Amino acid sequence: MRTLALPLLLLAGSSLLAQSPTLNGGLQAGFNFPVGDFADKKEAGYYVGANGGLGLHFGGHLDFNFTSNHQLRLILNVNGFASKEQTILGNTQQNTFSVAQFGGDYVFNLESPSRGGYFLVGLNVNKVKATYELAGYPDVEANQSGRMGVRVGGGYTFNRVFSLEGHLNSVSVEKTGADGLGMDSLTWLSVSAVFRFGR
């Protein structure tokens, strides 16, 4: 059922395209803060996630503005995380994660697309790569593709070009198996500077 969620969202958005929306694009970049298991989960006394490390993200988006309040936003983001270092058997170890994200957000503008607050909720498909680096040993990698994610958040648009935005992301991942990550989801808070063009 989850695998149908994104196509259904995109299909609903495409049916709205018949209403002759205005289009604009943009870029976003900012910081990611891991939370929950992604921030502090341990196995055998050692961190398996981002261990409180700070992350970064950047990407682009395309906005379909149907009315002054209703908007569909397609997003493409690249997220990166590096854990704080920890010591395992006397050797330095660090976990790094990358999450490539494609999806769609429904955006509700309280005033207009060019000014005021807004809320968003979205679905996305993610490609996750985890690399575990232990000094003196070969790196171990885990790759998971097609992982479904959700995000909710909001922001404030200061003018037709610039917004500040925050959202909570959660991506469902496989916990066990050859490419298991030792947790059920990767969850993080994002703070973004959003730049829009063509309004």
C-alpha atoms as a PDB file:
ATOM      1  CA  MET A   1       0.000   0.000   0.000  1.00  0.00           C
ATOM      2  CA  ARG A   2       2.861   2.374   0.838  1.00  0.00           C
ATOM      3  CA  THR A   3       4.354   1.868  -2.623  1.00  0.00           C
ATOM      4  CA  LEU A   4       1.152   3.278  -4.151  1.00  0.00           C
ATOM      5  CA  ALA A   5       1.120   6.429  -2.014  1.00  0.00           C
ATOM      6  CA  LEU A   6       3.570   8.518  -4.058  1.00  0.00           C
ATOM      7  CA  PRO A   7       2.051   7.624  -7.475  1.00  0.00           C
ATOM      8  CA  LEU A   8      -1.408   8.474  -6.126  1.00  0.00           C
ATOM      9  CA  LEU A   9      -0.155  11.833  -4.830  1.00  0.00           C
ATOM     10  CA  LEU A  10       1.454  12.602  -8.190  1.00  0.00           C
ATOM     11  CA  LEU A  11      -1.689  11.486 -10.043  1.00  0.00           C
ATOM     12  CA  ALA A  12      -3.819  13.781  -7.891  1.00  0.00           C
ATOM     13  CA  GLY A  13      -1.402  16.585  -8.594  1.00  0.00           C
ATOM     14  CA  SER A  14      -1.479  15.952 -12.335  1.00  0.00           C
ATOM     15  CA  SER A  15      -5.285  16.134 -12.346  1.00  0.00           C
ATOM     16  CA  LEU A  16      -4.973  19.565 -10.753  1.00  0.00           C
ATOM     17  CA  LEU A  17      -2.717  20.615 -13.629  1.00  0.00           C
ATOM     18  CA  ALA A  18      -5.861  20.889 -15.757  1.00  0.00           C
ATOM     19  CA  GLN A  19      -6.620  24.058 -13.749  1.00  0.00           C
ATOM     20  CA  SER A  20      -3.762  25.946 -15.491  1.00  0.00           C
ATOM     21  CA  PRO A  21      -1.478  26.492 -12.503  1.00  0.00           C
ATOM     22  CA  THR A  22       1.363  28.970 -12.483  1.00  0.00           C
ATOM     23  CA  LEU A  23       4.818  27.448 -12.253  1.00  0.00           C
ATOM     24  CA  ASN A  24       8.037  28.448 -10.558  1.00  0.00           C
ATOM     25  CA  GLY A  25      11.183  26.656  -9.459  1.00  0.00           C
ATOM     26  CA  GLY A  26      13.820  27.092  -6.843  1.00  0.00           C
ATOM     27  CA  LEU A  27      16.610  25.767  -4.689  1.00  0.00           C
ATOM     28  CA  GLN A  28      16.856  24.836  -1.028  1.00  0.00           C
ATOM     29  CA  ALA A  29      19.755  24.145   1.333  1.00  0.00           C
ATOM     30  CA  GLY A  30      20.210  23.796   5.063  1.00  0.00           C
ATOM     31  CA  PHE A  31      21.014  21.708   8.114  1.00  0.00           C
ATOM     32  CA  ASN A  32      19.726  18.314   9.297  1.00  0.00           C
ATOM     33  CA  PHE A  33      19.511  17.215  12.932  1.00  0.00           C
ATOM     34  CA  PRO A  34      19.080  13.427  13.489  1.00  0.00           C
ATOM     35  CA  VAL A  35      16.503  12.458  16.121  1.00  0.00           C
ATOM     36  CA  GLY A  36      15.270   9.239  17.723  1.00  0.00           C
ATOM     37  CA  ASP A  37      17.091   5.994  16.928  1.00  0.00           C
ATOM     38  CA  PHE A  38      18.959   7.690  14.087  1.00  0.00           C
ATOM     39  CA  ALA A  39      20.619   9.948  16.646  1.00  0.00           C
ATOM     40  CA  ASP A  40      21.303   7.625  19.565  1.00  0.00           C
ATOM     41  CA  LYS A  41      20.620   3.929  18.861  1.00  0.00           C
ATOM     42  CA  LYS A  42      23.351   1.564  20.099  1.00  0.00           C
ATOM     43  CA  GLU A  43      24.152  -2.074  19.459  1.00  0.00           C
ATOM     44  CA  ALA A  44      26.709  -3.863  21.636  1.00  0.00           C
ATOM     45  CA  GLY A  45      27.391  -0.483  23.261  1.00  0.00           C
ATOM     46  CA  TYR A  46      28.266   1.338  20.023  1.00  0.00           C
ATOM     47  CA  TYR A  47      26.269   3.844  17.963  1.00  0.00           C
ATOM     48  CA  VAL A  48      24.806   2.519  14.699  1.00  0.00           C
ATOM     49  CA  GLY A  49      23.272   5.797  13.480  1.00  0.00           C
ATOM     50  CA  ALA A  50      24.408   9.378  13.096  1.00  0.00           C
ATOM     51  CA  ASN A  51      25.389   9.600  16.786  1.00  0.00           C
ATOM     52  CA  GLY A  52      24.197  13.189  17.169  1.00  0.00           C
ATOM     53  CA  GLY A  53      26.190  14.330  14.142  1.00  0.00           C
ATOM     54  CA  LEU A  54      25.024  17.306  12.109  1.00  0.00           C
ATOM     55  CA  GLY A  55      23.795  16.806   8.546  1.00  0.00           C
ATOM     56  CA  LEU A  56      23.483  18.999   5.460  1.00  0.00           C
ATOM     57  CA  HIS A  57      21.054  19.011   2.547  1.00  0.00           C
ATOM     58  CA  PHE A  58      20.594  20.751  -0.782  1.00  0.00           C
ATOM     59  CA  GLY A  59      18.312  20.323  -3.753  1.00  0.00           C
ATOM     60  CA  GLY A  60      15.771  21.831  -6.082  1.00  0.00           C
ATOM     61  CA  HIS A  61      12.019  22.040  -6.404  1.00  0.00           C
ATOM     62  CA  LEU A  62       9.234  22.840  -8.872  1.00  0.00           C
ATOM     63  CA  ASP A  63       6.070  24.559  -7.588  1.00  0.00           C
ATOM     64  CA  PHE A  64       2.636  24.190  -9.168  1.00  0.00           C
ATOM     65  CA  ASN A  65       0.526  27.065  -7.768  1.00  0.00           C
ATOM     66  CA  PHE A  66      -3.166  26.268  -8.278  1.00  0.00           C
ATOM     67  CA  THR A  67      -4.584  29.094  -6.155  1.00  0.00           C
ATOM     68  CA  SER A  68      -3.059  31.590  -3.755  1.00  0.00           C
ATOM     69  CA  ASN A  69      -3.440  28.989  -0.990  1.00  0.00           C
ATOM     70  CA  HIS A  70      -2.931  25.584  -2.643  1.00  0.00           C
ATOM     71  CA  GLN A  71       0.328  24.360  -4.099  1.00  0.00           C
ATOM     72  CA  LEU A  72       1.970  21.101  -5.191  1.00  0.00           C
ATOM     73  CA  ARG A  73       5.747  21.069  -4.850  1.00  0.00           C
ATOM     74  CA  LEU A  74       7.971  18.418  -6.424  1.00  0.00           C
ATOM     75  CA  ILE A  75      11.296  18.094  -4.604  1.00  0.00           C
ATOM     76  CA  LEU A  76      14.671  16.502  -5.244  1.00  0.00           C
ATOM     77  CA  ASN A  77      17.011  16.590  -2.230  1.00  0.00           C
ATOM     78  CA  VAL A  78      20.377  15.135  -1.314  1.00  0.00           C
ATOM     79  CA  ASN A  79      20.964  14.690   2.429  1.00  0.00           C
ATOM     80  CA  GLY A  80      24.277  13.826   4.062  1.00  0.00           C
ATOM     81  CA  PHE A  81      25.123  12.908   7.662  1.00  0.00           C
ATOM     82  CA  ALA A  82      28.413  12.202   9.434  1.00  0.00           C
ATOM     83  CA  SER A  83      28.395  10.837  12.966  1.00  0.00           C
ATOM     84  CA  LYS A  84      30.643  11.935  15.752  1.00  0.00           C
ATOM     85  CA  GLU A  85      33.642   9.650  16.042  1.00  0.00           C
ATOM     86  CA  GLN A  86      33.609   6.830  18.564  1.00  0.00           C
ATOM     87  CA  THR A  87      36.307   4.368  19.660  1.00  0.00           C
ATOM     88  CA  ILE A  88      35.823   0.654  19.042  1.00  0.00           C
ATOM     89  CA  LEU A  89      38.525  -1.752  20.306  1.00  0.00           C
ATOM     90  CA  GLY A  90      41.001   1.121  20.347  1.00  0.00           C
ATOM     91  CA  ASN A  91      40.250   2.197  16.764  1.00  0.00           C
ATOM     92  CA  THR A  92      38.390   5.285  15.555  1.00  0.00           C
ATOM     93  CA  GLN A  93      35.012   4.568  13.955  1.00  0.00           C
ATOM     94  CA  GLN A  94      32.609   6.893  12.110  1.00  0.00           C
ATOM     95  CA  ASN A  95      29.248   6.322  10.393  1.00  0.00           C
ATOM     96  CA  THR A  96      28.203   8.317   7.325  1.00  0.00           C
ATOM     97  CA  PHE A  97      24.818   8.308   5.614  1.00  0.00           C
ATOM     98  CA  SER A  98      23.519   9.741   2.351  1.00  0.00           C
ATOM     99  CA  VAL A  99      19.834   9.957   1.450  1.00  0.00           C
ATOM    100  CA  ALA A 100      18.727  10.921  -2.084  1.00  0.00           C
ATOM    101  CA  GLN A 101      15.084  11.976  -1.941  1.00  0.00           C
ATOM    102  CA  PHE A 102      12.416  12.536  -4.623  1.00  0.00           C
ATOM    103  CA  GLY A 103       8.815  13.347  -3.789  1.00  0.00           C
ATOM    104  CA  GLY A 104       5.876  15.675  -3.671  1.00  0.00           C
ATOM    105  CA  ASP A 105       4.601  18.051  -0.981  1.00  0.00           C
ATOM    106  CA  TYR A 106       1.158  19.551  -0.633  1.00  0.00           C
ATOM    107  CA  VAL A 107       1.700  23.148   0.543  1.00  0.00           C
ATOM    108  CA  PHE A 108      -1.031  25.280   2.103  1.00  0.00           C
ATOM    109  CA  ASN A 109      -0.222  29.013   2.117  1.00  0.00           C
ATOM    110  CA  LEU A 110      -1.984  30.985   4.837  1.00  0.00           C
ATOM    111  CA  GLU A 111      -1.809  34.207   2.795  1.00  0.00           C
ATOM    112  CA  SER A 112      -0.189  33.777  -0.622  1.00  0.00           C
ATOM    113  CA  PRO A 113       2.790  32.020  -2.252  1.00  0.00           C
ATOM    114  CA  SER A 114       4.708  35.312  -2.062  1.00  0.00           C
ATOM    115  CA  ARG A 115       4.276  36.179   1.615  1.00  0.00           C
ATOM    116  CA  GLY A 116       3.229  34.684   4.934  1.00  0.00           C
ATOM    117  CA  GLY A 117       3.251  31.361   6.710  1.00  0.00           C
ATOM    118  CA  TYR A 118       2.629  27.957   5.185  1.00  0.00           C
ATOM    119  CA  PHE A 119       2.315  24.295   6.126  1.00  0.00           C
ATOM    120  CA  LEU A 120       3.381  21.238   4.158  1.00  0.00           C
ATOM    121  CA  VAL A 121       2.921  17.481   4.156  1.00  0.00           C
ATOM    122  CA  GLY A 122       4.587  15.182   1.670  1.00  0.00           C
ATOM    123  CA  LEU A 123       5.570  11.719   0.517  1.00  0.00           C
ATOM    124  CA  ASN A 124       8.893  10.757  -1.006  1.00  0.00           C
ATOM    125  CA  VAL A 125      10.978   7.858  -2.319  1.00  0.00           C
ATOM    126  CA  ASN A 126      14.525   7.548  -0.979  1.00  0.00           C
ATOM    127  CA  LYS A 127      17.821   5.875  -1.821  1.00  0.00           C
ATOM    128  CA  VAL A 128      19.850   5.345   1.357  1.00  0.00           C
ATOM    129  CA  LYS A 129      23.543   4.541   1.631  1.00  0.00           C
ATOM    130  CA  ALA A 130      25.306   3.921   4.934  1.00  0.00           C
ATOM    131  CA  THR A 131      29.073   3.604   5.284  1.00  0.00           C
ATOM    132  CA  TYR A 132      30.737   2.347   8.459  1.00  0.00           C
ATOM    133  CA  GLU A 133      34.412   3.311   8.619  1.00  0.00           C
ATOM    134  CA  LEU A 134      36.619   1.645  11.239  1.00  0.00           C
ATOM    135  CA  ALA A 135      40.294   2.628  11.159  1.00  0.00           C
ATOM    136  CA  GLY A 136      42.477  -0.269  10.058  1.00  0.00           C
ATOM    137  CA  TYR A 137      39.595  -2.241   8.493  1.00  0.00           C
ATOM    138  CA  PRO A 138      37.797  -2.107   5.109  1.00  0.00           C
ATOM    139  CA  ASP A 139      34.699   0.095   5.025  1.00  0.00           C
ATOM    140  CA  VAL A 140      31.341  -1.663   5.319  1.00  0.00           C
ATOM    141  CA  GLU A 141      28.465  -0.315   3.180  1.00  0.00           C
ATOM    142  CA  ALA A 142      24.706  -0.844   3.227  1.00  0.00           C
ATOM    143  CA  ASN A 143      22.437   0.326   0.379  1.00  0.00           C
ATOM    144  CA  GLN A 144      18.643   0.467   0.325  1.00  0.00           C
ATOM    145  CA  SER A 145      16.613   1.815  -2.608  1.00  0.00           C
ATOM    146  CA  GLY A 146      12.937   2.666  -3.006  1.00  0.00           C
ATOM    147  CA  ARG A 147      12.420   3.422   0.678  1.00  0.00           C
ATOM    148  CA  MET A 148       9.241   5.377   1.390  1.00  0.00           C
ATOM    149  CA  GLY A 149       9.366   8.514   3.507  1.00  0.00           C
ATOM    150  CA  VAL A 150       7.073  11.211   4.835  1.00  0.00           C
ATOM    151  CA  ARG A 151       7.663  14.773   5.927  1.00  0.00           C
ATOM    152  CA  VAL A 152       5.625  17.456   7.652  1.00  0.00           C
ATOM    153  CA  GLY A 153       6.521  21.015   8.451  1.00  0.00           C
ATOM    154  CA  GLY A 154       6.021  24.659   7.760  1.00  0.00           C
ATOM    155  CA  GLY A 155       7.749  27.902   7.066  1.00  0.00           C
ATOM    156  CA  TYR A 156       7.474  31.588   6.456  1.00  0.00           C
ATOM    157  CA  THR A 157       7.822  33.350   3.101  1.00  0.00           C
ATOM    158  CA  PHE A 158       9.383  36.785   3.486  1.00  0.00           C
ATOM    159  CA  ASN A 159       9.041  37.851  -0.152  1.00  0.00           C
ATOM    160  CA  ARG A 160       8.580  36.300  -3.592  1.00  0.00           C
ATOM    161  CA  VAL A 161      12.168  34.969  -3.540  1.00  0.00           C
ATOM    162  CA  PHE A 162      13.038  33.816   0.004  1.00  0.00           C
ATOM    163  CA  SER A 163      11.543  31.571   2.720  1.00  0.00           C
ATOM    164  CA  LEU A 164      12.755  29.867   5.889  1.00  0.00           C
ATOM    165  CA  GLU A 165      11.372  26.391   6.451  1.00  0.00           C
ATOM    166  CA  GLY A 166      11.493  23.567   8.972  1.00  0.00           C
ATOM    167  CA  HIS A 167      10.266  20.021   8.581  1.00  0.00           C
ATOM    168  CA  LEU A 168      10.444  16.566  10.151  1.00  0.00           C
ATOM    169  CA  ASN A 169      11.501  13.730   7.816  1.00  0.00           C
ATOM    170  CA  SER A 170      11.088  10.020   8.471  1.00  0.00           C
ATOM    171  CA  VAL A 171      12.273   7.326   6.054  1.00  0.00           C
ATOM    172  CA  SER A 172      11.334   3.686   6.617  1.00  0.00           C
ATOM    173  CA  VAL A 173      14.376   1.390   6.266  1.00  0.00           C
ATOM    174  CA  GLU A 174      15.112  -2.315   6.714  1.00  0.00           C
ATOM    175  CA  LYS A 175      16.542  -3.066  10.128  1.00  0.00           C
ATOM    176  CA  THR A 176      18.095  -6.492   9.454  1.00  0.00           C
ATOM    177  CA  GLY A 177      19.565  -8.428   6.548  1.00  0.00           C
ATOM    178  CA  ALA A 178      22.682  -7.961   4.452  1.00  0.00           C
ATOM    179  CA  ASP A 179      21.963  -4.240   3.996  1.00  0.00           C
ATOM    180  CA  GLY A 180      20.180  -3.708   7.302  1.00  0.00           C
ATOM    181  CA  LEU A 181      20.821  -0.481   9.181  1.00  0.00           C
ATOM    182  CA  GLY A 182      20.063  -1.740  12.691  1.00  0.00           C
ATOM    183  CA  MET A 183      17.002   0.524  13.000  1.00  0.00           C
ATOM    184  CA  ASP A 184      13.518   0.774  11.493  1.00  0.00           C
ATOM    185  CA  SER A 185      13.661   4.388  10.314  1.00  0.00           C
ATOM    186  CA  LEU A 186      15.919   7.356   9.712  1.00  0.00           C
ATOM    187  CA  THR A 187      14.317  10.451  11.235  1.00  0.00           C
ATOM    188  CA  TRP A 188      15.645  13.989  11.226  1.00  0.00           C
ATOM    189  CA  LEU A 189      14.663  17.629  11.589  1.00  0.00           C
ATOM    190  CA  SER A 190      15.622  19.963   8.737  1.00  0.00           C
ATOM    191  CA  VAL A 191      15.996  23.732   8.671  1.00  0.00           C
ATOM    192  CA  SER A 192      16.136  25.151   5.142  1.00  0.00           C
ATOM    193  CA  ALA A 193      16.721  28.398   3.322  1.00  0.00           C
ATOM    194  CA  VAL A 194      14.425  28.262   0.281  1.00  0.00           C
ATOM    195  CA  PHE A 195      15.016  30.401  -2.818  1.00  0.00           C
ATOM    196  CA  ARG A 196      12.373  30.666  -5.542  1.00  0.00           C
ATOM    197  CA  PHE A 197      12.556  31.975  -9.087  1.00  0.00           C
ATOM    198  CA  GLY A 198       9.965  32.879 -11.684  1.00  0.00           C
ATOM    199  CA  ARG A 199       7.256  34.294  -9.417  1.00  0.00           C
END
